[in-house]
Amino acid sequence: MQFVKARADQLDEIVNMYRLATRKLNRQGIEQWNEEYPARERLRKDIAKGNMYLLMDGNQVAASVVLDQHEDPEYDEVDWKDERGEPLVVHRLCVHPGWQGRGLSKRLLREIERMARQKGYTSIRLDTMMKNERAVNLYDSQGYERRGTIRLADFGDEEFLTFEKKLEPSRVLH
């Protein structure tokens, strides 16, 4: 598996992966995503900005994530531990349904953490719908600390759980 930046010519495959994952989540009663979010245009912009990363198995997209420093306004309500550092924010983490159950989410988080350390970020922040127990358990198991709940403007009454993981600087071996 390779962790690489997404390319514009991969957009169709990426959109298809998100649609398949959305349908699976919706069947499980988790309506964090729908046909309008994440929209094709949103994903195209993520790629164009250079913020989308993929886990690739050969030529196949197995997982995707968007990484930047954009925090929704609701993040201001959260009591973050890393108040003075440079947080990296995770958006739209998705594993292709055909690859789920193989530890790719954990691998993706390790790659995100490795890259974040290399680039000097001091923490990683993210959120997930509280109903998404698999995601909540994943973040708990990987050392992400629960920081509180928020309600995102576009999702009505749904509660989202926020997580943070402080990062130690990477150590260079001489």
Protein backbone atom coordinates (compact mmCIF):
# COMPACT_ATOMS: atom_id res chain seq x y z
CA MET A 1 0.00 0.00 0.00
CA GLN A 2 1.18 3.47 -0.85
CA PHE A 3 0.08 6.75 0.78
CA VAL A 4 -0.02 9.35 -2.01
CA LYS A 5 -1.67 12.62 -3.01
CA ALA A 6 -4.79 12.16 -5.10
CA ARG A 7 -4.68 13.15 -8.77
CA ALA A 8 -7.40 14.74 -10.89
CA ASP A 9 -7.57 11.69 -13.17
CA GLN A 10 -8.62 9.57 -10.16
CA LEU A 11 -11.75 11.64 -9.42
CA ASP A 12 -14.28 9.19 -10.90
CA GLU A 13 -12.87 6.27 -8.89
CA ILE A 14 -12.78 8.39 -5.72
CA VAL A 15 -16.37 9.60 -6.16
CA ASN A 16 -17.52 6.02 -6.72
CA MET A 17 -15.76 4.89 -3.51
CA TYR A 18 -17.47 7.62 -1.47
CA ARG A 19 -20.88 6.74 -2.99
CA LEU A 20 -20.45 3.04 -2.13
CA ALA A 21 -19.30 3.89 1.41
CA THR A 22 -22.21 6.34 1.83
CA ARG A 23 -24.76 3.70 0.84
CA LYS A 24 -23.23 1.23 3.30
CA LEU A 25 -23.27 3.77 6.14
CA ASN A 26 -26.86 4.75 5.35
CA ARG A 27 -27.95 1.07 5.45
CA GLN A 28 -26.41 0.93 8.95
CA GLY A 29 -28.47 3.95 10.03
CA ILE A 30 -25.50 6.32 9.93
CA GLU A 31 -26.47 9.29 7.80
CA GLN A 32 -23.30 11.32 8.20
CA TRP A 33 -22.95 11.38 4.39
CA ASN A 34 -25.58 11.41 1.65
CA GLU A 35 -25.90 11.96 -2.10
CA GLU A 36 -25.14 15.67 -1.60
CA TYR A 37 -22.18 15.30 0.76
CA PRO A 38 -19.44 14.78 -0.02
CA ALA A 39 -20.36 16.12 -3.47
CA ARG A 40 -18.25 15.46 -6.55
CA GLU A 41 -17.34 19.16 -6.76
CA ARG A 42 -16.18 19.18 -3.10
CA LEU A 43 -13.96 16.15 -3.78
CA ARG A 44 -12.63 17.74 -7.00
CA LYS A 45 -11.66 20.85 -5.01
CA ASP A 46 -9.97 18.72 -2.33
CA ILE A 47 -7.81 17.15 -5.04
CA ALA A 48 -7.10 20.49 -6.75
CA LYS A 49 -5.95 22.04 -3.46
CA GLY A 50 -3.61 19.09 -2.88
CA ASN A 51 -5.38 18.16 0.37
CA MET A 52 -6.65 14.68 -0.54
CA TYR A 53 -4.49 11.65 0.14
CA LEU A 54 -5.08 8.05 -0.87
CA LEU A 55 -4.04 4.60 0.23
CA MET A 56 -3.40 2.80 -3.03
CA ASP A 57 -3.16 -0.92 -3.66
CA GLY A 58 -1.40 -0.93 -6.98
CA ASN A 59 -3.67 1.13 -9.23
CA GLN A 60 -6.76 0.79 -7.00
CA VAL A 61 -7.95 3.40 -4.53
CA ALA A 62 -8.48 1.60 -1.22
CA ALA A 63 -9.00 4.61 1.08
CA SER A 64 -9.07 8.39 1.06
CA VAL A 65 -8.71 11.28 3.50
CA VAL A 66 -8.59 15.06 3.30
CA LEU A 67 -6.02 16.83 5.47
CA ASP A 68 -5.79 20.57 6.04
CA GLN A 69 -6.04 23.17 8.79
CA HIS A 70 -9.68 24.13 8.19
CA GLU A 71 -11.80 23.86 11.33
CA ASP A 72 -15.56 24.24 11.22
CA PRO A 73 -16.72 27.22 13.33
CA GLU A 74 -18.18 24.76 15.85
CA TYR A 75 -14.62 23.66 16.70
CA ASP A 76 -14.30 26.96 18.59
CA GLU A 77 -16.64 25.46 21.23
CA VAL A 78 -14.26 22.56 21.93
CA ASP A 79 -11.74 22.57 24.78
CA TRP A 80 -8.69 21.50 22.78
CA LYS A 81 -5.50 20.57 24.63
CA ASP A 82 -3.22 21.84 21.87
CA GLU A 83 -4.16 25.52 22.08
CA ARG A 84 -0.97 27.09 20.77
CA GLY A 85 0.31 24.56 18.27
CA GLU A 86 -0.39 23.74 14.65
CA PRO A 87 -3.23 21.20 14.39
CA LEU A 88 -3.86 19.11 11.29
CA VAL A 89 -7.57 18.49 10.71
CA VAL A 90 -8.94 15.25 9.23
CA HIS A 91 -11.95 15.38 6.91
CA ARG A 92 -13.84 12.80 4.84
CA LEU A 93 -11.86 9.71 5.89
CA CYS A 94 -13.22 6.87 3.78
CA VAL A 95 -12.29 3.23 3.25
CA HIS A 96 -13.69 1.51 0.17
CA PRO A 97 -16.32 -1.02 1.34
CA GLY A 98 -14.43 -3.78 -0.48
CA TRP A 99 -11.39 -3.05 1.70
CA GLN A 100 -13.17 -2.62 5.05
CA GLY A 101 -12.31 -5.00 7.86
CA ARG A 102 -8.65 -5.26 6.86
CA GLY A 103 -7.15 -2.64 9.17
CA LEU A 104 -6.90 0.10 6.55
CA SER A 105 -8.36 2.78 8.82
CA LYS A 106 -5.62 2.12 11.37
CA ARG A 107 -3.00 2.14 8.65
CA LEU A 108 -4.39 5.39 7.27
CA LEU A 109 -4.24 6.99 10.73
CA ARG A 110 -0.61 5.88 11.11
CA GLU A 111 0.24 7.45 7.74
CA ILE A 112 -1.56 10.67 8.70
CA GLU A 113 0.35 10.82 12.00
CA ARG A 114 3.68 10.12 10.29
CA MET A 115 3.10 12.84 7.71
CA ALA A 116 1.84 15.30 10.34
CA ARG A 117 4.99 14.82 12.44
CA GLN A 118 7.24 15.23 9.40
CA LYS A 119 5.52 18.51 8.51
CA GLY A 120 5.71 19.87 12.06
CA TYR A 121 2.06 19.65 13.10
CA THR A 122 1.58 19.39 16.85
CA SER A 123 -1.77 17.59 16.94
CA ILE A 124 -4.49 15.97 14.86
CA ARG A 125 -8.15 16.92 15.24
CA LEU A 126 -11.24 15.27 13.81
CA ASP A 127 -14.89 14.54 14.43
CA THR A 128 -17.34 11.79 13.70
CA MET A 129 -21.05 11.27 14.14
CA MET A 130 -21.71 9.72 17.55
CA LYS A 131 -23.85 7.05 15.88
CA ASN A 132 -20.79 5.82 13.99
CA GLU A 133 -19.64 3.43 16.70
CA ARG A 134 -16.99 1.80 14.51
CA ALA A 135 -15.31 5.15 13.91
CA VAL A 136 -15.60 6.14 17.58
CA ASN A 137 -14.04 2.83 18.63
CA LEU A 138 -11.28 3.23 16.03
CA TYR A 139 -10.24 6.67 17.29
CA ASP A 140 -10.45 5.53 20.92
CA SER A 141 -8.25 2.50 20.16
CA GLN A 142 -5.62 4.60 18.37
CA GLY A 143 -5.00 7.01 21.23
CA TYR A 144 -7.25 9.86 20.15
CA GLU A 145 -8.73 11.66 23.12
CA ARG A 146 -12.41 12.60 23.23
CA ARG A 147 -12.67 16.37 23.54
CA GLY A 148 -16.43 16.96 23.52
CA THR A 149 -19.51 17.03 21.33
CA ILE A 150 -20.64 19.54 18.75
CA ARG A 151 -23.58 19.98 16.41
CA LEU A 152 -22.48 20.88 12.89
CA ALA A 153 -24.68 23.42 11.10
CA ASP A 154 -25.41 21.21 8.10
CA PHE A 155 -26.44 18.18 10.17
CA GLY A 156 -29.33 19.44 12.31
CA ASP A 157 -29.66 17.75 15.71
CA GLU A 158 -27.00 15.10 15.13
CA GLU A 159 -24.18 15.10 17.65
CA PHE A 160 -20.60 14.74 16.56
CA LEU A 161 -17.84 13.61 18.88
CA THR A 162 -14.56 15.50 18.54
CA PHE A 163 -11.16 13.89 19.01
CA GLU A 164 -7.60 15.13 19.36
CA LYS A 165 -4.23 13.46 19.41
CA LYS A 166 -1.19 15.45 20.48
CA LEU A 167 1.93 14.55 18.55
CA GLU A 168 5.47 14.34 19.72
CA PRO A 169 7.96 15.78 17.22
CA SER A 170 9.57 13.17 15.02
CA ARG A 171 13.06 12.29 16.09
CA VAL A 172 15.79 12.17 13.52
CA LEU A 173 18.29 9.39 14.08
CA HIS A 174 21.93 10.27 13.33
